[in-house]
PDB file of N, CA and C in Angstrom:
ATOM      1  N   MET A   1     -28.393  54.064 -15.489  1.00  0.00           N
ATOM      2  CA  MET A   1     -29.474  53.106 -15.437  1.00  0.00           C
ATOM      3  C   MET A   1     -28.933  51.715 -15.134  1.00  0.00           C
ATOM      4  N   PHE A   2     -27.942  51.286 -15.889  1.00  0.00           N
ATOM      5  CA  PHE A   2     -27.349  49.967 -15.677  1.00  0.00           C
ATOM      6  C   PHE A   2     -26.752  49.867 -14.279  1.00  0.00           C
ATOM      7  N   THR A   3     -26.117  50.925 -13.811  1.00  0.00           N
ATOM      8  CA  THR A   3     -25.491  50.919 -12.495  1.00  0.00           C
ATOM      9  C   THR A   3     -26.541  50.773 -11.393  1.00  0.00           C
ATOM     10  N   LYS A   4     -27.673  51.462 -11.517  1.00  0.00           N
ATOM     11  CA  LYS A   4     -28.728  51.357 -10.513  1.00  0.00           C
ATOM     12  C   LYS A   4     -29.283  49.940 -10.461  1.00  0.00           C
ATOM     13  N   ALA A   5     -29.479  49.324 -11.619  1.00  0.00           N
ATOM     14  CA  ALA A   5     -29.993  47.952 -11.661  1.00  0.00           C
ATOM     15  C   ALA A   5     -28.980  46.994 -11.056  1.00  0.00           C
ATOM     16  N   PHE A   6     -27.717  47.200 -11.353  1.00  0.00           N
ATOM     17  CA  PHE A   6     -26.663  46.339 -10.805  1.00  0.00           C
ATOM     18  C   PHE A   6     -26.585  46.465  -9.287  1.00  0.00           C
ATOM     19  N   VAL A   7     -26.653  47.699  -8.783  1.00  0.00           N
ATOM     20  CA  VAL A   7     -26.601  47.938  -7.344  1.00  0.00           C
ATOM     21  C   VAL A   7     -27.830  47.319  -6.668  1.00  0.00           C
ATOM     22  N   ALA A   8     -28.991  47.470  -7.271  1.00  0.00           N
ATOM     23  CA  ALA A   8     -30.217  46.897  -6.699  1.00  0.00           C
ATOM     24  C   ALA A   8     -30.125  45.375  -6.660  1.00  0.00           C
ATOM     25  N   THR A   9     -29.613  44.768  -7.712  1.00  0.00           N
ATOM     26  CA  THR A   9     -29.457  43.311  -7.757  1.00  0.00           C
ATOM     27  C   THR A   9     -28.451  42.845  -6.717  1.00  0.00           C
ATOM     28  N   ALA A  10     -27.357  43.546  -6.600  1.00  0.00           N
ATOM     29  CA  ALA A  10     -26.334  43.177  -5.617  1.00  0.00           C
ATOM     30  C   ALA A  10     -26.880  43.310  -4.201  1.00  0.00           C
ATOM     31  N   LEU A  11     -27.644  44.342  -3.939  1.00  0.00           N
ATOM     32  CA  LEU A  11     -28.233  44.547  -2.618  1.00  0.00           C
ATOM     33  C   LEU A  11     -29.234  43.433  -2.297  1.00  0.00           C
ATOM     34  N   LEU A  12     -30.064  43.086  -3.254  1.00  0.00           N
ATOM     35  CA  LEU A  12     -31.027  42.008  -3.054  1.00  0.00           C
ATOM     36  C   LEU A  12     -30.304  40.687  -2.779  1.00  0.00           C
ATOM     37  N   ALA A  13     -29.266  40.405  -3.533  1.00  0.00           N
ATOM     38  CA  ALA A  13     -28.496  39.170  -3.322  1.00  0.00           C
ATOM     39  C   ALA A  13     -27.852  39.161  -1.938  1.00  0.00           C
ATOM     40  N   ALA A  14     -27.384  40.298  -1.491  1.00  0.00           N
ATOM     41  CA  ALA A  14     -26.760  40.382  -0.167  1.00  0.00           C
ATOM     42  C   ALA A  14     -27.776  40.141   0.945  1.00  0.00           C
ATOM     43  N   LEU A  15     -29.019  40.507   0.717  1.00  0.00           N
ATOM     44  CA  LEU A  15     -30.058  40.294   1.720  1.00  0.00           C
ATOM     45  C   LEU A  15     -30.586  38.864   1.705  1.00  0.00           C
ATOM     46  N   VAL A  16     -30.710  38.258   0.543  1.00  0.00           N
ATOM     47  CA  VAL A  16     -31.282  36.919   0.416  1.00  0.00           C
ATOM     48  C   VAL A  16     -30.265  35.840   0.761  1.00  0.00           C
ATOM     49  N   ALA A  17     -29.013  36.030   0.434  1.00  0.00           N
ATOM     50  CA  ALA A  17     -27.994  35.006   0.681  1.00  0.00           C
ATOM     51  C   ALA A  17     -27.925  34.575   2.143  1.00  0.00           C
ATOM     52  N   PRO A  18     -27.943  35.491   3.111  1.00  0.00           N
ATOM     53  CA  PRO A  18     -27.917  35.029   4.502  1.00  0.00           C
ATOM     54  C   PRO A  18     -29.139  34.195   4.882  1.00  0.00           C
ATOM     55  N   LEU A  19     -30.297  34.493   4.303  1.00  0.00           N
ATOM     56  CA  LEU A  19     -31.483  33.704   4.609  1.00  0.00           C
ATOM     57  C   LEU A  19     -31.350  32.296   4.052  1.00  0.00           C
ATOM     58  N   ALA A  20     -30.836  32.173   2.841  1.00  0.00           N
ATOM     59  CA  ALA A  20     -30.628  30.851   2.259  1.00  0.00           C
ATOM     60  C   ALA A  20     -29.572  30.093   3.052  1.00  0.00           C
ATOM     61  N   ALA A  21     -28.541  30.796   3.466  1.00  0.00           N
ATOM     62  CA  ALA A  21     -27.501  30.147   4.275  1.00  0.00           C
ATOM     63  C   ALA A  21     -28.067  29.704   5.612  1.00  0.00           C
ATOM     64  N   SER A  22     -28.983  30.485   6.178  1.00  0.00           N
ATOM     65  CA  SER A  22     -29.536  30.109   7.472  1.00  0.00           C
ATOM     66  C   SER A  22     -30.330  28.813   7.380  1.00  0.00           C
ATOM     67  N   ALA A  23     -31.023  28.586   6.268  1.00  0.00           N
ATOM     68  CA  ALA A  23     -31.753  27.325   6.089  1.00  0.00           C
ATOM     69  C   ALA A  23     -30.767  26.166   6.071  1.00  0.00           C
ATOM     70  N   GLY A  24     -29.622  26.361   5.424  1.00  0.00           N
ATOM     71  CA  GLY A  24     -28.589  25.330   5.395  1.00  0.00           C
ATOM     72  C   GLY A  24     -27.953  25.127   6.756  1.00  0.00           C
ATOM     73  N   GLN A  25     -27.800  26.196   7.514  1.00  0.00           N
ATOM     74  CA  GLN A  25     -27.233  26.080   8.858  1.00  0.00           C
ATOM     75  C   GLN A  25     -28.155  25.288   9.761  1.00  0.00           C
ATOM     76  N   VAL A  26     -29.450  25.491   9.624  1.00  0.00           N
ATOM     77  CA  VAL A  26     -30.411  24.731  10.423  1.00  0.00           C
ATOM     78  C   VAL A  26     -30.279  23.255  10.088  1.00  0.00           C
ATOM     79  N   GLU A  27     -30.210  22.936   8.805  1.00  0.00           N
ATOM     80  CA  GLU A  27     -30.085  21.532   8.382  1.00  0.00           C
ATOM     81  C   GLU A  27     -28.774  20.918   8.876  1.00  0.00           C
ATOM     82  N   GLN A  28     -27.693  21.679   8.840  1.00  0.00           N
ATOM     83  CA  GLN A  28     -26.410  21.163   9.331  1.00  0.00           C
ATOM     84  C   GLN A  28     -26.483  20.861  10.823  1.00  0.00           C
ATOM     85  N   ARG A  29     -27.136  21.741  11.578  1.00  0.00           N
ATOM     86  CA  ARG A  29     -27.289  21.487  13.010  1.00  0.00           C
ATOM     87  C   ARG A  29     -28.150  20.264  13.264  1.00  0.00           C
ATOM     88  N   VAL A  30     -29.196  20.069  12.447  1.00  0.00           N
ATOM     89  CA  VAL A  30     -30.034  18.873  12.571  1.00  0.00           C
ATOM     90  C   VAL A  30     -29.172  17.635  12.367  1.00  0.00           C
ATOM     91  N   ASP A  31     -28.336  17.658  11.332  1.00  0.00           N
ATOM     92  CA  ASP A  31     -27.441  16.519  11.068  1.00  0.00           C
ATOM     93  C   ASP A  31     -26.494  16.279  12.244  1.00  0.00           C
ATOM     94  N   ASN A  32     -25.929  17.341  12.789  1.00  0.00           N
ATOM     95  CA  ASN A  32     -25.014  17.215  13.927  1.00  0.00           C
ATOM     96  C   ASN A  32     -25.731  16.650  15.152  1.00  0.00           C
ATOM     97  N   GLN A  33     -26.947  17.129  15.396  1.00  0.00           N
ATOM     98  CA  GLN A  33     -27.691  16.645  16.551  1.00  0.00           C
ATOM     99  C   GLN A  33     -28.103  15.193  16.368  1.00  0.00           C
ATOM    100  N   GLN A  34     -28.455  14.807  15.146  1.00  0.00           N
ATOM    101  CA  GLN A  34     -28.787  13.406  14.888  1.00  0.00           C
ATOM    102  C   GLN A  34     -27.569  12.528  15.149  1.00  0.00           C
ATOM    103  N   HIS A  35     -26.407  13.005  14.752  1.00  0.00           N
ATOM    104  CA  HIS A  35     -25.168  12.264  15.003  1.00  0.00           C
ATOM    105  C   HIS A  35     -24.922  12.113  16.506  1.00  0.00           C
ATOM    106  N   ARG A  36     -25.136  13.176  17.269  1.00  0.00           N
ATOM    107  CA  ARG A  36     -24.942  13.113  18.728  1.00  0.00           C
ATOM    108  C   ARG A  36     -25.914  12.135  19.372  1.00  0.00           C
ATOM    109  N   ILE A  37     -27.159  12.135  18.900  1.00  0.00           N
ATOM    110  CA  ILE A  37     -28.159  11.201  19.432  1.00  0.00           C
ATOM    111  C   ILE A  37     -27.753   9.766  19.105  1.00  0.00           C
ATOM    112  N   ASN A  38     -27.394   9.514  17.855  1.00  0.00           N
ATOM    113  CA  ASN A  38     -26.977   8.165  17.452  1.00  0.00           C
ATOM    114  C   ASN A  38     -25.753   7.703  18.236  1.00  0.00           C
ATOM    115  N   GLN A  39     -24.830   8.606  18.473  1.00  0.00           N
ATOM    116  CA  GLN A  39     -23.634   8.284  19.256  1.00  0.00           C
ATOM    117  C   GLN A  39     -24.033   7.882  20.675  1.00  0.00           C
ATOM    118  N   GLY A  40     -24.982   8.584  21.257  1.00  0.00           N
ATOM    119  CA  GLY A  40     -25.463   8.254  22.594  1.00  0.00           C
ATOM    120  C   GLY A  40     -26.122   6.885  22.647  1.00  0.00           C
ATOM    121  N   VAL A  41     -26.834   6.528  21.588  1.00  0.00           N
ATOM    122  CA  VAL A  41     -27.448   5.197  21.518  1.00  0.00           C
ATOM    123  C   VAL A  41     -26.347   4.130  21.421  1.00  0.00           C
ATOM    124  N   ARG A  42     -25.373   4.364  20.547  1.00  0.00           N
ATOM    125  CA  ARG A  42     -24.287   3.387  20.355  1.00  0.00           C
ATOM    126  C   ARG A  42     -23.482   3.152  21.621  1.00  0.00           C
ATOM    127  N   ASN A  43     -23.177   4.220  22.355  1.00  0.00           N
ATOM    128  CA  ASN A  43     -22.322   4.036  23.537  1.00  0.00           C
ATOM    129  C   ASN A  43     -23.127   3.776  24.808  1.00  0.00           C
ATOM    130  N   GLY A  44     -24.453   3.724  24.684  1.00  0.00           N
ATOM    131  CA  GLY A  44     -25.295   3.379  25.823  1.00  0.00           C
ATOM    132  C   GLY A  44     -25.594   4.512  26.776  1.00  0.00           C
ATOM    133  N   SER A  45     -25.229   5.738  26.432  1.00  0.00           N
ATOM    134  CA  SER A  45     -25.477   6.855  27.347  1.00  0.00           C
ATOM    135  C   SER A  45     -26.902   7.399  27.235  1.00  0.00           C
ATOM    136  N   LEU A  46     -27.676   6.932  26.262  1.00  0.00           N
ATOM    137  CA  LEU A  46     -29.077   7.307  26.151  1.00  0.00           C
ATOM    138  C   LEU A  46     -29.949   6.070  26.328  1.00  0.00           C
ATOM    139  N   THR A  47     -30.992   6.215  27.120  1.00  0.00           N
ATOM    140  CA  THR A  47     -31.950   5.125  27.272  1.00  0.00           C
ATOM    141  C   THR A  47     -32.890   5.132  26.060  1.00  0.00           C
ATOM    142  N   TYR A  48     -33.682   4.093  25.946  1.00  0.00           N
ATOM    143  CA  TYR A  48     -34.645   3.967  24.859  1.00  0.00           C
ATOM    144  C   TYR A  48     -35.618   5.142  24.868  1.00  0.00           C
ATOM    145  N   GLY A  49     -36.138   5.497  26.040  1.00  0.00           N
ATOM    146  CA  GLY A  49     -37.074   6.614  26.151  1.00  0.00           C
ATOM    147  C   GLY A  49     -36.437   7.947  25.799  1.00  0.00           C
ATOM    148  N   GLU A  50     -35.198   8.158  26.259  1.00  0.00           N
ATOM    149  CA  GLU A  50     -34.491   9.399  25.937  1.00  0.00           C
ATOM    150  C   GLU A  50     -34.281   9.519  24.431  1.00  0.00           C
ATOM    151  N   TYR A  51     -33.880   8.408  23.826  1.00  0.00           N
ATOM    152  CA  TYR A  51     -33.669   8.404  22.377  1.00  0.00           C
ATOM    153  C   TYR A  51     -34.935   8.828  21.652  1.00  0.00           C
ATOM    154  N   HIS A  52     -36.067   8.230  21.995  1.00  0.00           N
ATOM    155  CA  HIS A  52     -37.313   8.548  21.302  1.00  0.00           C
ATOM    156  C   HIS A  52     -37.753   9.989  21.545  1.00  0.00           C
ATOM    157  N   ARG A  53     -37.603  10.491  22.748  1.00  0.00           N
ATOM    158  CA  ARG A  53     -37.974  11.874  23.041  1.00  0.00           C
ATOM    159  C   ARG A  53     -37.098  12.841  22.230  1.00  0.00           C
ATOM    160  N   LEU A  54     -35.797  12.589  22.191  1.00  0.00           N
ATOM    161  CA  LEU A  54     -34.888  13.452  21.438  1.00  0.00           C
ATOM    162  C   LEU A  54     -35.158  13.363  19.940  1.00  0.00           C
ATOM    163  N   ASP A  55     -35.386  12.158  19.454  1.00  0.00           N
ATOM    164  CA  ASP A  55     -35.653  11.962  18.032  1.00  0.00           C
ATOM    165  C   ASP A  55     -36.950  12.659  17.625  1.00  0.00           C
ATOM    166  N   ASN A  56     -37.963  12.602  18.492  1.00  0.00           N
ATOM    167  CA  ASN A  56     -39.219  13.313  18.209  1.00  0.00           C
ATOM    168  C   ASN A  56     -38.995  14.822  18.172  1.00  0.00           C
ATOM    169  N   GLY A  57     -38.152  15.332  19.061  1.00  0.00           N
ATOM    170  CA  GLY A  57     -37.825  16.760  19.052  1.00  0.00           C
ATOM    171  C   GLY A  57     -37.138  17.166  17.759  1.00  0.00           C
ATOM    172  N   LEU A  58     -36.247  16.311  17.289  1.00  0.00           N
ATOM    173  CA  LEU A  58     -35.553  16.582  16.036  1.00  0.00           C
ATOM    174  C   LEU A  58     -36.532  16.535  14.857  1.00  0.00           C
ATOM    175  N   ASP A  59     -37.445  15.577  14.885  1.00  0.00           N
ATOM    176  CA  ASP A  59     -38.469  15.497  13.831  1.00  0.00           C
ATOM    177  C   ASP A  59     -39.327  16.763  13.815  1.00  0.00           C
ATOM    178  N   HIS A  60     -39.652  17.279  15.005  1.00  0.00           N
ATOM    179  CA  HIS A  60     -40.451  18.505  15.099  1.00  0.00           C
ATOM    180  C   HIS A  60     -39.707  19.682  14.449  1.00  0.00           C
ATOM    181  N   ILE A  61     -38.427  19.804  14.725  1.00  0.00           N
ATOM    182  CA  ILE A  61     -37.624  20.896  14.155  1.00  0.00           C
ATOM    183  C   ILE A  61     -37.561  20.768  12.635  1.00  0.00           C
ATOM    184  N   GLN A  62     -37.343  19.558  12.140  1.00  0.00           N
ATOM    185  CA  GLN A  62     -37.263  19.361  10.691  1.00  0.00           C
ATOM    186  C   GLN A  62     -38.606  19.675  10.022  1.00  0.00           C
ATOM    187  N   ALA A  63     -39.708  19.285  10.648  1.00  0.00           N
ATOM    188  CA  ALA A  63     -41.026  19.563  10.082  1.00  0.00           C
ATOM    189  C   ALA A  63     -41.303  21.063  10.066  1.00  0.00           C
ATOM    190  N   GLN A  64     -40.925  21.761  11.147  1.00  0.00           N
ATOM    191  CA  GLN A  64     -41.120  23.209  11.200  1.00  0.00           C
ATOM    192  C   GLN A  64     -40.291  23.905  10.127  1.00  0.00           C
ATOM    193  N   ARG A  65     -39.046  23.464   9.948  1.00  0.00           N
ATOM    194  CA  ARG A  65     -38.174  24.042   8.918  1.00  0.00           C
ATOM    195  C   ARG A  65     -38.799  23.849   7.539  1.00  0.00           C
ATOM    196  N   ALA A  66     -39.293  22.640   7.269  1.00  0.00           N
ATOM    197  CA  ALA A  66     -39.902  22.356   5.968  1.00  0.00           C
ATOM    198  C   ALA A  66     -41.138  23.233   5.740  1.00  0.00           C
ATOM    199  N   ARG A  67     -41.974  23.395   6.768  1.00  0.00           N
ATOM    200  CA  ARG A  67     -43.163  24.265   6.635  1.00  0.00           C
ATOM    201  C   ARG A  67     -42.750  25.706   6.360  1.00  0.00           C
ATOM    202  N   ASP A  68     -41.749  26.184   7.097  1.00  0.00           N
ATOM    203  CA  ASP A  68     -41.292  27.565   6.911  1.00  0.00           C
ATOM    204  C   ASP A  68     -40.738  27.771   5.503  1.00  0.00           C
ATOM    205  N   LEU A  69     -39.965  26.813   5.018  1.00  0.00           N
ATOM    206  CA  LEU A  69     -39.389  26.941   3.679  1.00  0.00           C
ATOM    207  C   LEU A  69     -40.479  26.909   2.605  1.00  0.00           C
ATOM    208  N   ARG A  70     -41.476  26.039   2.762  1.00  0.00           N
ATOM    209  CA  ARG A  70     -42.583  25.984   1.794  1.00  0.00           C
ATOM    210  C   ARG A  70     -43.370  27.290   1.789  1.00  0.00           C
ATOM    211  N   ARG A  71     -43.575  27.846   2.941  1.00  0.00           N
ATOM    212  CA  ARG A  71     -44.380  29.065   3.078  1.00  0.00           C
ATOM    213  C   ARG A  71     -43.681  30.276   2.445  1.00  0.00           C
ATOM    214  N   ASN A  72     -42.359  30.271   2.406  1.00  0.00           N
ATOM    215  CA  ASN A  72     -41.607  31.451   1.960  1.00  0.00           C
ATOM    216  C   ASN A  72     -40.722  31.185   0.749  1.00  0.00           C
ATOM    217  N   ASP A  73     -41.203  30.377  -0.167  1.00  0.00           N
ATOM    218  CA  ASP A  73     -40.472  30.118  -1.419  1.00  0.00           C
ATOM    219  C   ASP A  73     -39.038  29.654  -1.184  1.00  0.00           C
ATOM    220  N   GLY A  74     -38.844  28.772  -0.226  1.00  0.00           N
ATOM    221  CA  GLY A  74     -37.526  28.184  -0.006  1.00  0.00           C
ATOM    222  C   GLY A  74     -36.591  29.001   0.864  1.00  0.00           C
ATOM    223  N   HIS A  75     -37.110  29.987   1.560  1.00  0.00           N
ATOM    224  CA  HIS A  75     -36.282  30.839   2.421  1.00  0.00           C
ATOM    225  C   HIS A  75     -36.868  30.891   3.828  1.00  0.00           C
ATOM    226  N   LEU A  76     -36.002  31.154   4.792  1.00  0.00           N
ATOM    227  CA  LEU A  76     -36.441  31.389   6.167  1.00  0.00           C
ATOM    228  C   LEU A  76     -36.405  32.884   6.442  1.00  0.00           C
ATOM    229  N   THR A  77     -37.432  33.378   7.108  1.00  0.00           N
ATOM    230  CA  THR A  77     -37.388  34.770   7.549  1.00  0.00           C
ATOM    231  C   THR A  77     -36.450  34.838   8.750  1.00  0.00           C
ATOM    232  N   PRO A  78     -35.950  36.011   9.076  1.00  0.00           N
ATOM    233  CA  PRO A  78     -35.097  36.115  10.269  1.00  0.00           C
ATOM    234  C   PRO A  78     -35.800  35.618  11.535  1.00  0.00           C
ATOM    235  N   ALA A  79     -37.094  35.889  11.675  1.00  0.00           N
ATOM    236  CA  ALA A  79     -37.833  35.432  12.860  1.00  0.00           C
ATOM    237  C   ALA A  79     -37.928  33.906  12.883  1.00  0.00           C
ATOM    238  N   GLU A  80     -38.165  33.295  11.726  1.00  0.00           N
ATOM    239  CA  GLU A  80     -38.238  31.825  11.660  1.00  0.00           C
ATOM    240  C   GLU A  80     -36.888  31.204  11.995  1.00  0.00           C
ATOM    241  N   TYR A  81     -35.834  31.806  11.476  1.00  0.00           N
ATOM    242  CA  TYR A  81     -34.493  31.302  11.774  1.00  0.00           C
ATOM    243  C   TYR A  81     -34.208  31.386  13.270  1.00  0.00           C
ATOM    244  N   ARG A  82     -34.557  32.521  13.888  1.00  0.00           N
ATOM    245  CA  ARG A  82     -34.329  32.675  15.330  1.00  0.00           C
ATOM    246  C   ARG A  82     -35.113  31.632  16.121  1.00  0.00           C
ATOM    247  N   GLN A  83     -36.373  31.387  15.729  1.00  0.00           N
ATOM    248  CA  GLN A  83     -37.193  30.401  16.422  1.00  0.00           C
ATOM    249  C   GLN A  83     -36.600  29.000  16.288  1.00  0.00           C
ATOM    250  N   LEU A  84     -36.204  28.626  15.076  1.00  0.00           N
ATOM    251  CA  LEU A  84     -35.590  27.306  14.879  1.00  0.00           C
ATOM    252  C   LEU A  84     -34.285  27.198  15.660  1.00  0.00           C
ATOM    253  N   ASN A  85     -33.526  28.277  15.696  1.00  0.00           N
ATOM    254  CA  ASN A  85     -32.275  28.280  16.439  1.00  0.00           C
ATOM    255  C   ASN A  85     -32.522  28.077  17.934  1.00  0.00           C
ATOM    256  N   ARG A  86     -33.552  28.744  18.475  1.00  0.00           N
ATOM    257  CA  ARG A  86     -33.902  28.558  19.891  1.00  0.00           C
ATOM    258  C   ARG A  86     -34.297  27.106  20.163  1.00  0.00           C
ATOM    259  N   GLU A  87     -35.113  26.533  19.273  1.00  0.00           N
ATOM    260  CA  GLU A  87     -35.529  25.145  19.441  1.00  0.00           C
ATOM    261  C   GLU A  87     -34.331  24.200  19.376  1.00  0.00           C
ATOM    262  N   GLN A  88     -33.413  24.477  18.466  1.00  0.00           N
ATOM    263  CA  GLN A  88     -32.218  23.643  18.361  1.00  0.00           C
ATOM    264  C   GLN A  88     -31.314  23.804  19.579  1.00  0.00           C
ATOM    265  N   ASN A  89     -31.236  25.009  20.126  1.00  0.00           N
ATOM    266  CA  ASN A  89     -30.453  25.207  21.343  1.00  0.00           C
ATOM    267  C   ASN A  89     -31.031  24.405  22.504  1.00  0.00           C
ATOM    268  N   ARG A  90     -32.367  24.435  22.638  1.00  0.00           N
ATOM    269  CA  ARG A  90     -33.017  23.656  23.702  1.00  0.00           C
ATOM    270  C   ARG A  90     -32.782  22.161  23.511  1.00  0.00           C
ATOM    271  N   LEU A  91     -32.896  21.693  22.275  1.00  0.00           N
ATOM    272  CA  LEU A  91     -32.676  20.276  22.012  1.00  0.00           C
ATOM    273  C   LEU A  91     -31.223  19.900  22.278  1.00  0.00           C
ATOM    274  N   SER A  92     -30.306  20.760  21.909  1.00  0.00           N
ATOM    275  CA  SER A  92     -28.892  20.494  22.160  1.00  0.00           C
ATOM    276  C   SER A  92     -28.620  20.361  23.657  1.00  0.00           C
ATOM    277  N   ASP A  93     -29.204  21.256  24.438  1.00  0.00           N
ATOM    278  CA  ASP A  93     -29.054  21.167  25.895  1.00  0.00           C
ATOM    279  C   ASP A  93     -29.652  19.870  26.421  1.00  0.00           C
ATOM    280  N   ARG A  94     -30.796  19.471  25.861  1.00  0.00           N
ATOM    281  CA  ARG A  94     -31.454  18.236  26.308  1.00  0.00           C
ATOM    282  C   ARG A  94     -30.619  17.007  25.946  1.00  0.00           C
ATOM    283  N   ILE A  95     -30.009  17.018  24.764  1.00  0.00           N
ATOM    284  CA  ILE A  95     -29.138  15.909  24.365  1.00  0.00           C
ATOM    285  C   ILE A  95     -27.996  15.786  25.363  1.00  0.00           C
ATOM    286  N   SER A  96     -27.362  16.891  25.661  1.00  0.00           N
ATOM    287  CA  SER A  96     -26.241  16.887  26.598  1.00  0.00           C
ATOM    288  C   SER A  96     -26.682  16.384  27.967  1.00  0.00           C
ATOM    289  N   PHE A  97     -27.803  16.896  28.464  1.00  0.00           N
ATOM    290  CA  PHE A  97     -28.299  16.474  29.774  1.00  0.00           C
ATOM    291  C   PHE A  97     -28.588  14.979  29.785  1.00  0.00           C
ATOM    292  N   ASP A  98     -29.330  14.510  28.786  1.00  0.00           N
ATOM    293  CA  ASP A  98     -29.716  13.098  28.754  1.00  0.00           C
ATOM    294  C   ASP A  98     -28.511  12.171  28.616  1.00  0.00           C
ATOM    295  N   LYS A  99     -27.497  12.611  27.885  1.00  0.00           N
ATOM    296  CA  LYS A  99     -26.318  11.755  27.711  1.00  0.00           C
ATOM    297  C   LYS A  99     -25.486  11.666  28.987  1.00  0.00           C
ATOM    298  N   HIS A 100     -25.660  12.630  29.893  1.00  0.00           N
ATOM    299  CA  HIS A 100     -24.804  12.673  31.086  1.00  0.00           C
ATOM    300  C   HIS A 100     -25.587  12.591  32.396  1.00  0.00           C
ATOM    301  N   ASN A 101     -26.847  12.147  32.354  1.00  0.00           N
ATOM    302  CA  ASN A 101     -27.679  12.197  33.554  1.00  0.00           C
ATOM    303  C   ASN A 101     -27.631  10.925  34.399  1.00  0.00           C
ATOM    304  N   GLY A 102     -26.864   9.965  34.045  1.00  0.00           N
ATOM    305  CA  GLY A 102     -26.733   8.776  34.911  1.00  0.00           C
ATOM    306  C   GLY A 102     -27.272   7.498  34.324  1.00  0.00           C
ATOM    307  N   PRO A 103     -28.600   7.357  34.157  1.00  0.00           N
ATOM    308  CA  PRO A 103     -29.111   6.068  33.653  1.00  0.00           C
ATOM    309  C   PRO A 103     -28.565   5.761  32.267  1.00  0.00           C
ATOM    310  N   HIS A 104     -28.072   4.568  32.126  1.00  0.00           N
ATOM    311  CA  HIS A 104     -27.500   4.171  30.834  1.00  0.00           C
ATOM    312  C   HIS A 104     -28.113   2.866  30.378  1.00  0.00           C
ATOM    313  N   GLN A 105     -28.140   2.697  29.099  1.00  0.00           N
ATOM    314  CA  GLN A 105     -28.583   1.458  28.479  1.00  0.00           C
ATOM    315  C   GLN A 105     -27.399   0.507  28.472  1.00  0.00           C
ATOM    316  N   HIS A 106     -27.585  -0.729  28.861  1.00  0.00           N
ATOM    317  CA  HIS A 106     -26.469  -1.677  28.861  1.00  0.00           C
ATOM    318  C   HIS A 106     -26.731  -2.846  27.977  1.00  0.00           C
TER     319      HIS A 106
END
């Protein structure tokens, strides 16, 4: 009896831990992307409009993450994590493009 309960608890923890970690991974990527955007502003590689568009995209991702976490008792489902990851990948590509597309703030 004790062994079955222990195995069930261990299995549940193994399934939930990656979901909790994924929420933290999303937040870490948000922090990294915010740093890249701020760096682009500091070195002049992002224009005012690019900065605002990228910052709004980051705000959208953070708001979606917060809604997903509230809806699921502080956890992301695998589908929610994949969706946030896709959005972050698109934003990352946009940051890179905007930082290297030519027009610079002086």
